[in-house]
Amino acid sequence: MSHPAADRIVGLYQDKAADWIRDRGDALSRHQGDWDEAAWLDRFTEGWPPGARMLDVGCGSGWPMGAALLERGFEVVGLDASPDLIAHARETLPGGDWRIGDMRDGLPEGAFHGVLAWHSLFHLTPEAQTAVLPALAARVTPGGRLMFTAGPAHGEAIGEWRGEALYHGSLDPDAYRALLTEADLTVENAGDNGVWLARRAILSAK
């Protein structure tokens, strides 16, 4: 049985949306722990044309990742379960398509050059991740990439944020790799520095 904090994630971010907006800020983190977000976005979007379509799952307020993708000239569809965070994204980043929704209940239709679940997928239980990750992979168009953050081993970890328990779940690296391989994605970064990056091959002409 998962920790009760797993069921609290959506409500926690909704109740403390204003705190999240203040804490996360509007700038990409550089060398925050193991994450240089600008550098990872460079790898994620390498070689893509202007206007490439992106899906940001668990986008929060849209800042800073969605904002950075918009600034780079990409089309961004953002999904988050917190109405208040989505409202902030719509107000401050009108160039994006910001939608209220839980990744566990379904994803926007269509294909995307990039599917991003940055600091979001790891808030789901291992069981939920096993179901959601193939759905994320299925949205990646040929030549596109999927990027997400994850823990180092199968299990659950409980952090703390703003005085409340903050849930994190993870699969084993071999399980992540297997799910990505089954989805016909080639792993480009296998969890090094907590980041998974995988690419779908471009279809060859016949």
N, C-alpha and C. Protein backbone atom coordinates (compact mmCIF):
# COMPACT_ATOMS: atom_id res chain seq x y z
N MET A 1 0.84 -1.19 0.00
CA MET A 1 0.00 0.00 0.00
C MET A 1 0.88 1.25 0.00
N SER A 2 0.52 2.20 -0.85
CA SER A 2 1.30 3.42 -0.94
C SER A 2 1.06 4.33 0.26
N HIS A 3 1.99 5.21 0.47
CA HIS A 3 1.89 6.21 1.54
C HIS A 3 0.69 7.12 1.28
N PRO A 4 -0.02 7.56 2.34
CA PRO A 4 -1.16 8.47 2.14
C PRO A 4 -0.79 9.75 1.38
N ALA A 5 0.46 10.15 1.44
CA ALA A 5 0.89 11.35 0.73
C ALA A 5 0.73 11.21 -0.78
N ALA A 6 0.71 9.96 -1.28
CA ALA A 6 0.52 9.77 -2.72
C ALA A 6 -0.85 10.27 -3.16
N ASP A 7 -1.85 10.08 -2.32
CA ASP A 7 -3.20 10.53 -2.65
C ASP A 7 -3.39 12.02 -2.43
N ARG A 8 -2.42 12.65 -1.79
CA ARG A 8 -2.52 14.06 -1.44
C ARG A 8 -1.86 14.97 -2.47
N ILE A 9 -1.12 14.40 -3.43
CA ILE A 9 -0.30 15.21 -4.33
C ILE A 9 -1.11 16.28 -5.06
N VAL A 10 -2.19 15.89 -5.69
CA VAL A 10 -2.97 16.86 -6.46
C VAL A 10 -3.51 17.95 -5.56
N GLY A 11 -4.09 17.55 -4.42
CA GLY A 11 -4.62 18.53 -3.48
C GLY A 11 -3.55 19.42 -2.89
N LEU A 12 -2.37 18.86 -2.66
CA LEU A 12 -1.28 19.64 -2.08
C LEU A 12 -0.87 20.78 -3.01
N TYR A 13 -0.68 20.47 -4.29
CA TYR A 13 -0.27 21.52 -5.22
C TYR A 13 -1.39 22.53 -5.49
N GLN A 14 -2.63 22.08 -5.41
CA GLN A 14 -3.73 23.04 -5.56
C GLN A 14 -3.83 23.96 -4.34
N ASP A 15 -3.77 23.36 -3.15
CA ASP A 15 -3.89 24.16 -1.94
C ASP A 15 -2.75 25.15 -1.78
N LYS A 16 -1.58 24.76 -2.26
CA LYS A 16 -0.39 25.61 -2.08
C LYS A 16 0.12 26.14 -3.43
N ALA A 17 -0.80 26.39 -4.34
CA ALA A 17 -0.41 26.86 -5.66
C ALA A 17 0.38 28.16 -5.59
N ALA A 18 -0.07 29.09 -4.76
CA ALA A 18 0.64 30.38 -4.65
C ALA A 18 2.06 30.17 -4.13
N ASP A 19 2.24 29.22 -3.19
CA ASP A 19 3.58 28.93 -2.68
C ASP A 19 4.46 28.33 -3.77
N TRP A 20 3.88 27.44 -4.56
CA TRP A 20 4.65 26.82 -5.64
C TRP A 20 5.11 27.87 -6.65
N ILE A 21 4.20 28.79 -6.99
CA ILE A 21 4.56 29.84 -7.94
C ILE A 21 5.72 30.68 -7.40
N ARG A 22 5.67 31.00 -6.12
CA ARG A 22 6.77 31.76 -5.52
C ARG A 22 8.06 30.94 -5.45
N ASP A 23 7.94 29.69 -5.04
CA ASP A 23 9.13 28.86 -4.85
C ASP A 23 9.82 28.52 -6.17
N ARG A 24 9.03 28.23 -7.19
CA ARG A 24 9.60 27.78 -8.46
C ARG A 24 10.15 28.96 -9.26
N GLY A 25 9.56 30.12 -9.12
CA GLY A 25 10.07 31.29 -9.80
C GLY A 25 9.87 31.23 -11.30
N ASP A 26 10.58 32.10 -11.99
CA ASP A 26 10.39 32.21 -13.43
C ASP A 26 11.67 31.97 -14.22
N ALA A 27 12.68 31.39 -13.58
CA ALA A 27 13.95 31.17 -14.27
C ALA A 27 14.33 29.70 -14.20
N LEU A 28 14.96 29.22 -15.25
CA LEU A 28 15.47 27.86 -15.25
C LEU A 28 16.55 27.71 -14.19
N SER A 29 16.51 26.58 -13.50
CA SER A 29 17.53 26.30 -12.49
C SER A 29 18.82 25.86 -13.17
N ARG A 30 19.91 26.40 -12.73
CA ARG A 30 21.22 26.00 -13.25
C ARG A 30 22.03 25.41 -12.11
N HIS A 31 22.43 24.17 -12.31
CA HIS A 31 23.25 23.46 -11.32
C HIS A 31 22.54 23.41 -9.96
N GLN A 32 21.21 23.15 -10.03
CA GLN A 32 20.44 22.92 -8.80
C GLN A 32 20.50 21.42 -8.54
N GLY A 33 21.37 21.02 -7.63
CA GLY A 33 21.62 19.60 -7.48
C GLY A 33 22.25 19.09 -8.76
N ASP A 34 21.63 18.10 -9.37
CA ASP A 34 22.15 17.52 -10.60
C ASP A 34 21.45 18.06 -11.84
N TRP A 35 20.56 19.04 -11.69
CA TRP A 35 19.75 19.49 -12.81
C TRP A 35 20.15 20.88 -13.28
N ASP A 36 20.75 20.93 -14.45
CA ASP A 36 20.92 22.18 -15.17
C ASP A 36 19.82 22.17 -16.23
N GLU A 37 18.70 22.81 -15.91
CA GLU A 37 17.51 22.65 -16.74
C GLU A 37 17.70 23.19 -18.15
N ALA A 38 18.42 24.29 -18.31
CA ALA A 38 18.66 24.82 -19.65
C ALA A 38 19.43 23.81 -20.50
N ALA A 39 20.42 23.17 -19.89
CA ALA A 39 21.21 22.18 -20.63
C ALA A 39 20.36 20.97 -21.02
N TRP A 40 19.49 20.53 -20.12
CA TRP A 40 18.64 19.40 -20.45
C TRP A 40 17.63 19.76 -21.54
N LEU A 41 17.11 20.98 -21.51
CA LEU A 41 16.21 21.39 -22.59
C LEU A 41 16.94 21.46 -23.92
N ASP A 42 18.21 21.84 -23.90
CA ASP A 42 19.01 21.83 -25.13
C ASP A 42 19.07 20.42 -25.71
N ARG A 43 19.32 19.44 -24.87
CA ARG A 43 19.40 18.05 -25.34
C ARG A 43 18.03 17.55 -25.80
N PHE A 44 17.00 17.91 -25.05
CA PHE A 44 15.64 17.48 -25.35
C PHE A 44 15.18 17.97 -26.72
N THR A 45 15.51 19.20 -27.07
CA THR A 45 14.98 19.84 -28.28
C THR A 45 15.96 19.87 -29.44
N GLU A 46 17.09 19.26 -29.28
CA GLU A 46 18.14 19.33 -30.31
C GLU A 46 17.63 18.87 -31.67
N GLY A 47 17.84 19.72 -32.68
CA GLY A 47 17.52 19.35 -34.05
C GLY A 47 16.08 19.56 -34.46
N TRP A 48 15.26 20.12 -33.60
CA TRP A 48 13.84 20.28 -33.94
C TRP A 48 13.57 21.59 -34.65
N PRO A 49 12.60 21.61 -35.54
CA PRO A 49 12.30 22.83 -36.29
C PRO A 49 11.50 23.82 -35.44
N PRO A 50 11.55 25.10 -35.79
CA PRO A 50 10.68 26.07 -35.11
C PRO A 50 9.22 25.64 -35.22
N GLY A 51 8.48 25.85 -34.16
CA GLY A 51 7.08 25.47 -34.16
C GLY A 51 6.80 24.03 -33.82
N ALA A 52 7.85 23.26 -33.50
CA ALA A 52 7.63 21.87 -33.09
C ALA A 52 6.67 21.82 -31.90
N ARG A 53 5.85 20.79 -31.86
CA ARG A 53 4.78 20.68 -30.87
C ARG A 53 5.27 19.94 -29.62
N MET A 54 5.04 20.52 -28.46
CA MET A 54 5.49 19.97 -27.19
C MET A 54 4.32 19.69 -26.26
N LEU A 55 4.41 18.61 -25.49
CA LEU A 55 3.45 18.32 -24.43
C LEU A 55 4.18 18.34 -23.11
N ASP A 56 3.78 19.25 -22.23
CA ASP A 56 4.39 19.40 -20.91
C ASP A 56 3.39 18.87 -19.88
N VAL A 57 3.66 17.68 -19.37
CA VAL A 57 2.73 16.98 -18.48
C VAL A 57 3.12 17.25 -17.03
N GLY A 58 2.16 17.73 -16.24
CA GLY A 58 2.48 18.19 -14.90
C GLY A 58 3.19 19.52 -15.00
N CYS A 59 2.66 20.38 -15.86
CA CYS A 59 3.35 21.64 -16.20
C CYS A 59 3.31 22.66 -15.09
N GLY A 60 2.48 22.47 -14.05
CA GLY A 60 2.38 23.44 -12.98
C GLY A 60 1.90 24.78 -13.49
N SER A 61 2.60 25.84 -13.10
CA SER A 61 2.23 27.20 -13.49
C SER A 61 2.71 27.57 -14.89
N GLY A 62 3.39 26.64 -15.55
CA GLY A 62 3.99 26.92 -16.84
C GLY A 62 5.41 27.46 -16.76
N TRP A 63 5.81 27.83 -15.54
CA TRP A 63 7.15 28.37 -15.31
C TRP A 63 8.00 27.35 -14.55
N PRO A 64 9.25 27.20 -14.93
CA PRO A 64 9.93 27.87 -16.04
C PRO A 64 10.01 27.05 -17.32
N MET A 65 9.68 25.75 -17.25
CA MET A 65 9.95 24.87 -18.39
C MET A 65 9.08 25.21 -19.59
N GLY A 66 7.77 25.32 -19.39
CA GLY A 66 6.89 25.67 -20.50
C GLY A 66 7.24 27.02 -21.09
N ALA A 67 7.55 27.97 -20.22
CA ALA A 67 7.93 29.31 -20.68
C ALA A 67 9.19 29.25 -21.53
N ALA A 68 10.16 28.44 -21.12
CA ALA A 68 11.41 28.32 -21.87
C ALA A 68 11.17 27.69 -23.23
N LEU A 69 10.26 26.72 -23.30
CA LEU A 69 9.95 26.10 -24.59
C LEU A 69 9.25 27.09 -25.51
N LEU A 70 8.33 27.88 -24.96
CA LEU A 70 7.68 28.91 -25.77
C LEU A 70 8.70 29.92 -26.28
N GLU A 71 9.63 30.31 -25.43
CA GLU A 71 10.64 31.29 -25.81
C GLU A 71 11.52 30.76 -26.95
N ARG A 72 11.68 29.44 -27.00
CA ARG A 72 12.49 28.84 -28.06
C ARG A 72 11.71 28.67 -29.36
N GLY A 73 10.46 29.09 -29.36
CA GLY A 73 9.68 29.07 -30.59
C GLY A 73 8.84 27.83 -30.80
N PHE A 74 8.65 27.02 -29.75
CA PHE A 74 7.87 25.81 -29.89
C PHE A 74 6.42 26.04 -29.50
N GLU A 75 5.55 25.18 -30.01
CA GLU A 75 4.14 25.17 -29.63
C GLU A 75 4.00 24.29 -28.39
N VAL A 76 3.40 24.81 -27.33
CA VAL A 76 3.36 24.09 -26.06
C VAL A 76 1.91 23.83 -25.65
N VAL A 77 1.63 22.56 -25.36
CA VAL A 77 0.40 22.15 -24.70
C VAL A 77 0.78 21.69 -23.30
N GLY A 78 0.22 22.34 -22.29
CA GLY A 78 0.54 21.99 -20.91
C GLY A 78 -0.66 21.37 -20.21
N LEU A 79 -0.40 20.36 -19.39
CA LEU A 79 -1.46 19.66 -18.65
C LEU A 79 -1.09 19.61 -17.18
N ASP A 80 -2.01 20.04 -16.32
CA ASP A 80 -1.79 19.95 -14.88
C ASP A 80 -3.13 19.82 -14.18
N ALA A 81 -3.12 19.11 -13.04
CA ALA A 81 -4.36 18.85 -12.32
C ALA A 81 -4.78 19.99 -11.39
N SER A 82 -3.93 21.00 -11.22
CA SER A 82 -4.26 22.12 -10.35
C SER A 82 -4.89 23.26 -11.13
N PRO A 83 -6.17 23.56 -10.92
CA PRO A 83 -6.80 24.68 -11.63
C PRO A 83 -6.10 26.01 -11.38
N ASP A 84 -5.62 26.23 -10.15
CA ASP A 84 -4.98 27.51 -9.86
C ASP A 84 -3.65 27.66 -10.58
N LEU A 85 -2.89 26.58 -10.69
CA LEU A 85 -1.63 26.65 -11.43
C LEU A 85 -1.88 26.87 -12.92
N ILE A 86 -2.88 26.20 -13.46
CA ILE A 86 -3.21 26.39 -14.87
C ILE A 86 -3.71 27.81 -15.11
N ALA A 87 -4.48 28.36 -14.16
CA ALA A 87 -4.95 29.74 -14.31
C ALA A 87 -3.77 30.70 -14.39
N HIS A 88 -2.73 30.45 -13.59
CA HIS A 88 -1.54 31.30 -13.63
C HIS A 88 -0.84 31.19 -14.97
N ALA A 89 -0.75 29.96 -15.49
CA ALA A 89 -0.11 29.76 -16.79
C ALA A 89 -0.88 30.50 -17.88
N ARG A 90 -2.20 30.39 -17.85
CA ARG A 90 -3.01 31.06 -18.88
C ARG A 90 -2.85 32.57 -18.82
N GLU A 91 -2.73 33.11 -17.61
CA GLU A 91 -2.62 34.55 -17.45
C GLU A 91 -1.25 35.07 -17.86
N THR A 92 -0.21 34.34 -17.50
CA THR A 92 1.14 34.86 -17.70
C THR A 92 1.81 34.35 -18.98
N LEU A 93 1.30 33.26 -19.54
CA LEU A 93 1.89 32.68 -20.75
C LEU A 93 0.78 32.40 -21.77
N PRO A 94 0.15 33.45 -22.29
CA PRO A 94 -1.00 33.25 -23.17
C PRO A 94 -0.66 32.57 -24.49
N GLY A 95 0.61 32.46 -24.81
CA GLY A 95 1.00 31.78 -26.04
C GLY A 95 0.90 30.27 -25.97
N GLY A 96 0.71 29.73 -24.77
CA GLY A 96 0.60 28.28 -24.61
C GLY A 96 -0.84 27.83 -24.54
N ASP A 97 -1.05 26.55 -24.71
CA ASP A 97 -2.37 25.91 -24.59
C ASP A 97 -2.37 25.13 -23.28
N TRP A 98 -2.94 25.74 -22.22
CA TRP A 98 -2.86 25.19 -20.87
C TRP A 98 -4.18 24.52 -20.48
N ARG A 99 -4.10 23.25 -20.11
CA ARG A 99 -5.30 22.45 -19.87
C ARG A 99 -5.29 21.83 -18.48
N ILE A 100 -6.45 21.80 -17.84
CA ILE A 100 -6.60 21.15 -16.54
C ILE A 100 -6.83 19.66 -16.78
N GLY A 101 -6.04 18.82 -16.14
CA GLY A 101 -6.21 17.39 -16.29
C GLY A 101 -5.15 16.62 -15.53
N ASP A 102 -5.47 15.39 -15.20
CA ASP A 102 -4.57 14.47 -14.50
C ASP A 102 -4.02 13.48 -15.51
N MET A 103 -2.70 13.37 -15.58
CA MET A 103 -2.09 12.48 -16.56
C MET A 103 -2.56 11.04 -16.42
N ARG A 104 -3.02 10.67 -15.24
CA ARG A 104 -3.51 9.31 -15.04
C ARG A 104 -4.87 9.08 -15.69
N ASP A 105 -5.57 10.15 -16.00
CA ASP A 105 -6.92 10.04 -16.55
C ASP A 105 -6.97 10.22 -18.05
N GLY A 106 -5.84 10.47 -18.67
CA GLY A 106 -5.81 10.66 -20.12
C GLY A 106 -4.95 11.85 -20.50
N LEU A 107 -4.46 11.81 -21.74
CA LEU A 107 -3.56 12.83 -22.25
C LEU A 107 -4.17 13.49 -23.48
N PRO A 108 -3.74 14.72 -23.78
CA PRO A 108 -4.20 15.36 -25.02
C PRO A 108 -3.91 14.48 -26.23
N GLU A 109 -4.81 14.51 -27.20
CA GLU A 109 -4.64 13.69 -28.39
C GLU A 109 -3.59 14.29 -29.31
N GLY A 110 -3.12 13.47 -30.22
CA GLY A 110 -2.18 13.93 -31.22
C GLY A 110 -0.76 13.50 -30.93
N ALA A 111 0.12 13.83 -31.87
CA ALA A 111 1.53 13.49 -31.75
C ALA A 111 2.34 14.74 -31.44
N PHE A 112 3.44 14.55 -30.71
CA PHE A 112 4.26 15.66 -30.25
C PHE A 112 5.73 15.37 -30.54
N HIS A 113 6.47 16.41 -30.94
CA HIS A 113 7.92 16.26 -31.07
C HIS A 113 8.55 15.98 -29.71
N GLY A 114 8.00 16.60 -28.69
CA GLY A 114 8.54 16.42 -27.35
C GLY A 114 7.45 16.17 -26.33
N VAL A 115 7.67 15.20 -25.47
CA VAL A 115 6.78 14.94 -24.33
C VAL A 115 7.65 15.06 -23.08
N LEU A 116 7.28 15.98 -22.20
CA LEU A 116 8.08 16.31 -21.03
C LEU A 116 7.28 16.04 -19.76
N ALA A 117 7.86 15.31 -18.83
CA ALA A 117 7.26 15.10 -17.51
C ALA A 117 8.33 15.41 -16.47
N TRP A 118 8.65 16.69 -16.37
CA TRP A 118 9.76 17.15 -15.54
C TRP A 118 9.28 17.38 -14.11
N HIS A 119 9.81 16.61 -13.18
CA HIS A 119 9.42 16.70 -11.77
C HIS A 119 7.92 16.48 -11.58
N SER A 120 7.35 15.61 -12.38
CA SER A 120 5.91 15.34 -12.25
C SER A 120 5.60 13.85 -12.22
N LEU A 121 6.14 13.09 -13.18
CA LEU A 121 5.87 11.65 -13.19
C LEU A 121 6.27 11.00 -11.88
N PHE A 122 7.35 11.51 -11.26
CA PHE A 122 7.85 10.88 -10.04
C PHE A 122 6.97 11.16 -8.81
N HIS A 123 5.90 11.91 -8.98
CA HIS A 123 4.93 12.06 -7.91
C HIS A 123 3.84 10.99 -7.95
N LEU A 124 3.89 10.11 -8.96
CA LEU A 124 2.94 9.01 -9.06
C LEU A 124 3.52 7.76 -8.41
N THR A 125 2.64 6.86 -8.00
CA THR A 125 3.10 5.58 -7.45
C THR A 125 3.79 4.78 -8.56
N PRO A 126 4.62 3.82 -8.18
CA PRO A 126 5.24 2.98 -9.21
C PRO A 126 4.20 2.30 -10.11
N GLU A 127 3.09 1.88 -9.52
CA GLU A 127 2.04 1.23 -10.32
C GLU A 127 1.45 2.19 -11.34
N ALA A 128 1.18 3.43 -10.90
CA ALA A 128 0.63 4.42 -11.82
C ALA A 128 1.63 4.78 -12.90
N GLN A 129 2.91 4.88 -12.56
CA GLN A 129 3.92 5.19 -13.57
C GLN A 129 3.98 4.10 -14.63
N THR A 130 3.82 2.86 -14.22
CA THR A 130 3.85 1.74 -15.17
C THR A 130 2.74 1.87 -16.20
N ALA A 131 1.60 2.43 -15.80
CA ALA A 131 0.50 2.64 -16.71
C ALA A 131 0.64 3.91 -17.54
N VAL A 132 1.15 4.97 -16.93
CA VAL A 132 1.21 6.27 -17.59
C VAL A 132 2.37 6.38 -18.58
N LEU A 133 3.50 5.81 -18.26
CA LEU A 133 4.68 5.99 -19.11
C LEU A 133 4.46 5.49 -20.54
N PRO A 134 3.84 4.33 -20.77
CA PRO A 134 3.58 3.94 -22.16
C PRO A 134 2.66 4.92 -22.89
N ALA A 135 1.72 5.52 -22.17
CA ALA A 135 0.83 6.50 -22.80
C ALA A 135 1.61 7.76 -23.19
N LEU A 136 2.54 8.18 -22.35
CA LEU A 136 3.39 9.32 -22.70
C LEU A 136 4.23 8.98 -23.93
N ALA A 137 4.82 7.80 -23.94
CA ALA A 137 5.67 7.39 -25.06
C ALA A 137 4.88 7.32 -26.36
N ALA A 138 3.62 6.92 -26.26
CA ALA A 138 2.80 6.79 -27.47
C ALA A 138 2.51 8.13 -28.14
N ARG A 139 2.70 9.23 -27.42
CA ARG A 139 2.45 10.56 -27.99
C ARG A 139 3.66 11.11 -28.75
N VAL A 140 4.79 10.41 -28.70
CA VAL A 140 6.02 10.91 -29.31
C VAL A 140 6.05 10.57 -30.80
N THR A 141 6.18 11.60 -31.63
CA THR A 141 6.23 11.42 -33.08
C THR A 141 7.60 10.91 -33.51
N PRO A 142 7.73 10.29 -34.70
CA PRO A 142 9.05 9.88 -35.19
C PRO A 142 10.03 11.05 -35.18
N GLY A 143 11.21 10.81 -34.62
CA GLY A 143 12.22 11.84 -34.47
C GLY A 143 12.08 12.64 -33.20
N GLY A 144 11.00 12.41 -32.45
CA GLY A 144 10.76 13.15 -31.22
C GLY A 144 11.34 12.47 -30.00
N ARG A 145 11.24 13.18 -28.87
CA ARG A 145 11.83 12.67 -27.63
C ARG A 145 10.85 12.76 -26.46
N LEU A 146 11.07 11.88 -25.51
CA LEU A 146 10.40 11.88 -24.21
C LEU A 146 11.46 12.12 -23.14
N MET A 147 11.18 13.04 -22.22
CA MET A 147 12.12 13.29 -21.12
C MET A 147 11.35 13.38 -19.81
N PHE A 148 11.87 12.72 -18.79
CA PHE A 148 11.25 12.77 -17.47
C PHE A 148 12.32 12.56 -16.40
N THR A 149 11.97 12.94 -15.18
CA THR A 149 12.87 12.73 -14.04
C THR A 149 12.34 11.60 -13.19
N ALA A 150 13.26 10.88 -12.54
CA ALA A 150 12.88 9.70 -11.77
C ALA A 150 13.91 9.42 -10.69
N GLY A 151 13.52 8.57 -9.76
CA GLY A 151 14.41 8.15 -8.70
C GLY A 151 15.36 7.05 -9.16
N PRO A 152 16.30 6.63 -8.28
CA PRO A 152 17.33 5.69 -8.67
C PRO A 152 16.95 4.22 -8.54
N ALA A 153 15.85 3.92 -7.84
CA ALA A 153 15.50 2.52 -7.59
C ALA A 153 14.00 2.41 -7.32
N HIS A 154 13.49 1.20 -7.46
CA HIS A 154 12.07 0.98 -7.20
C HIS A 154 11.74 1.27 -5.73
N GLY A 155 10.69 2.03 -5.53
CA GLY A 155 10.28 2.31 -4.16
C GLY A 155 9.59 3.65 -4.03
N GLU A 156 9.39 4.06 -2.79
CA GLU A 156 8.74 5.31 -2.47
C GLU A 156 9.62 6.10 -1.50
N ALA A 157 9.62 7.42 -1.65
CA ALA A 157 10.36 8.30 -0.75
C ALA A 157 9.47 9.47 -0.39
N ILE A 158 9.49 9.85 0.86
CA ILE A 158 8.64 10.93 1.35
C ILE A 158 9.51 12.11 1.76
N GLY A 159 9.36 13.19 1.02
CA GLY A 159 10.06 14.41 1.37
C GLY A 159 9.16 15.32 2.18
N GLU A 160 9.53 16.59 2.22
CA GLU A 160 8.73 17.58 2.96
C GLU A 160 8.75 18.89 2.20
N TRP A 161 7.59 19.51 2.09
CA TRP A 161 7.50 20.80 1.44
C TRP A 161 6.40 21.61 2.10
N ARG A 162 6.75 22.80 2.52
CA ARG A 162 5.80 23.71 3.15
C ARG A 162 5.05 23.04 4.31
N GLY A 163 5.78 22.23 5.07
CA GLY A 163 5.21 21.60 6.26
C GLY A 163 4.38 20.37 6.01
N GLU A 164 4.35 19.87 4.77
CA GLU A 164 3.56 18.67 4.46
C GLU A 164 4.44 17.62 3.81
N ALA A 165 4.00 16.38 3.94
CA ALA A 165 4.71 15.27 3.31
C ALA A 165 4.58 15.38 1.79
N LEU A 166 5.68 15.16 1.09
CA LEU A 166 5.72 15.24 -0.36
C LEU A 166 6.14 13.89 -0.92
N TYR A 167 5.25 13.27 -1.67
CA TYR A 167 5.44 11.90 -2.14
C TYR A 167 6.28 11.84 -3.42
N HIS A 168 7.16 10.85 -3.48
CA HIS A 168 7.89 10.52 -4.69
C HIS A 168 7.89 8.99 -4.85
N GLY A 169 7.67 8.55 -6.07
CA GLY A 169 7.73 7.13 -6.38
C GLY A 169 8.68 6.88 -7.53
N SER A 170 9.18 5.66 -7.63
CA SER A 170 10.11 5.34 -8.71
C SER A 170 10.03 3.86 -9.06
N LEU A 171 10.31 3.58 -10.32
CA LEU A 171 10.54 2.22 -10.77
C LEU A 171 12.03 1.91 -10.73
N ASP A 172 12.36 0.66 -10.90
CA ASP A 172 13.75 0.27 -11.07
C ASP A 172 14.23 0.73 -12.45
N PRO A 173 15.47 1.13 -12.60
CA PRO A 173 15.96 1.55 -13.92
C PRO A 173 15.70 0.53 -15.02
N ASP A 174 15.84 -0.75 -14.71
CA ASP A 174 15.58 -1.76 -15.72
C ASP A 174 14.13 -1.73 -16.17
N ALA A 175 13.22 -1.40 -15.26
CA ALA A 175 11.80 -1.33 -15.61
C ALA A 175 11.53 -0.13 -16.51
N TYR A 176 12.15 1.02 -16.19
CA TYR A 176 12.00 2.18 -17.08
C TYR A 176 12.52 1.85 -18.47
N ARG A 177 13.70 1.26 -18.52
CA ARG A 177 14.30 0.94 -19.82
C ARG A 177 13.41 -0.02 -20.61
N ALA A 178 12.85 -1.01 -19.92
CA ALA A 178 11.99 -1.98 -20.61
C ALA A 178 10.74 -1.32 -21.17
N LEU A 179 10.12 -0.44 -20.39
CA LEU A 179 8.91 0.24 -20.87
C LEU A 179 9.22 1.13 -22.07
N LEU A 180 10.35 1.82 -22.04
CA LEU A 180 10.72 2.67 -23.16
C LEU A 180 11.05 1.84 -24.40
N THR A 181 11.75 0.74 -24.20
CA THR A 181 12.10 -0.13 -25.32
C THR A 181 10.85 -0.75 -25.94
N GLU A 182 9.92 -1.17 -25.09
CA GLU A 182 8.66 -1.73 -25.59
C GLU A 182 7.86 -0.71 -26.39
N ALA A 183 8.06 0.56 -26.09
CA ALA A 183 7.38 1.64 -26.81
C ALA A 183 8.15 2.09 -28.04
N ASP A 184 9.19 1.35 -28.41
CA ASP A 184 10.02 1.65 -29.58
C ASP A 184 10.76 2.97 -29.46
N LEU A 185 11.18 3.29 -28.25
CA LEU A 185 12.02 4.46 -28.03
C LEU A 185 13.43 3.99 -27.70
N THR A 186 14.40 4.73 -28.20
CA THR A 186 15.81 4.44 -27.92
C THR A 186 16.27 5.35 -26.78
N VAL A 187 16.80 4.76 -25.74
CA VAL A 187 17.22 5.51 -24.57
C VAL A 187 18.52 6.26 -24.88
N GLU A 188 18.51 7.57 -24.66
CA GLU A 188 19.69 8.41 -24.87
C GLU A 188 20.35 8.79 -23.55
N ASN A 189 19.57 8.83 -22.47
CA ASN A 189 20.14 9.05 -21.13
C ASN A 189 19.34 8.19 -20.16
N ALA A 190 20.01 7.22 -19.56
CA ALA A 190 19.33 6.19 -18.77
C ALA A 190 19.34 6.51 -17.28
N GLY A 191 18.75 7.64 -16.92
CA GLY A 191 18.62 7.97 -15.52
C GLY A 191 19.83 8.64 -14.91
N ASP A 192 20.88 8.88 -15.70
CA ASP A 192 22.03 9.61 -15.16
C ASP A 192 21.58 10.98 -14.68
N ASN A 193 21.99 11.35 -13.49
CA ASN A 193 21.57 12.61 -12.87
C ASN A 193 20.06 12.69 -12.68
N GLY A 194 19.41 11.51 -12.63
CA GLY A 194 17.98 11.48 -12.37
C GLY A 194 17.11 11.78 -13.57
N VAL A 195 17.70 11.85 -14.76
CA VAL A 195 16.96 12.23 -15.97
C VAL A 195 16.94 11.07 -16.96
N TRP A 196 15.75 10.79 -17.48
CA TRP A 196 15.60 9.83 -18.57
C TRP A 196 15.26 10.59 -19.84
N LEU A 197 15.95 10.26 -20.91
CA LEU A 197 15.72 10.89 -22.21
C LEU A 197 15.72 9.78 -23.25
N ALA A 198 14.64 9.73 -24.05
CA ALA A 198 14.52 8.67 -25.05
C ALA A 198 13.95 9.25 -26.33
N ARG A 199 14.32 8.65 -27.45
CA ARG A 199 13.97 9.19 -28.77
C ARG A 199 13.33 8.12 -29.63
N ARG A 200 12.33 8.53 -30.42
CA ARG A 200 11.74 7.63 -31.40
C ARG A 200 12.45 7.83 -32.74
N ALA A 201 12.82 6.75 -33.38
CA ALA A 201 13.54 6.82 -34.63
C ALA A 201 12.69 7.46 -35.72
N ILE A 202 13.36 8.14 -36.65
CA ILE A 202 12.68 8.68 -37.82
C ILE A 202 12.40 7.53 -38.79
N LEU A 203 11.18 7.50 -39.31
CA LEU A 203 10.81 6.44 -40.23
C LEU A 203 11.61 6.56 -41.51
N SER A 204 12.14 5.45 -41.97
CA SER A 204 12.92 5.46 -43.20
C SER A 204 12.00 5.42 -44.41
N ALA A 205 12.41 6.10 -45.47
CA ALA A 205 11.63 6.10 -46.70
C ALA A 205 11.76 4.76 -47.40
N LYS A 206 10.68 4.31 -48.01
CA LYS A 206 10.69 3.04 -48.74
C LYS A 206 10.50 3.28 -50.24
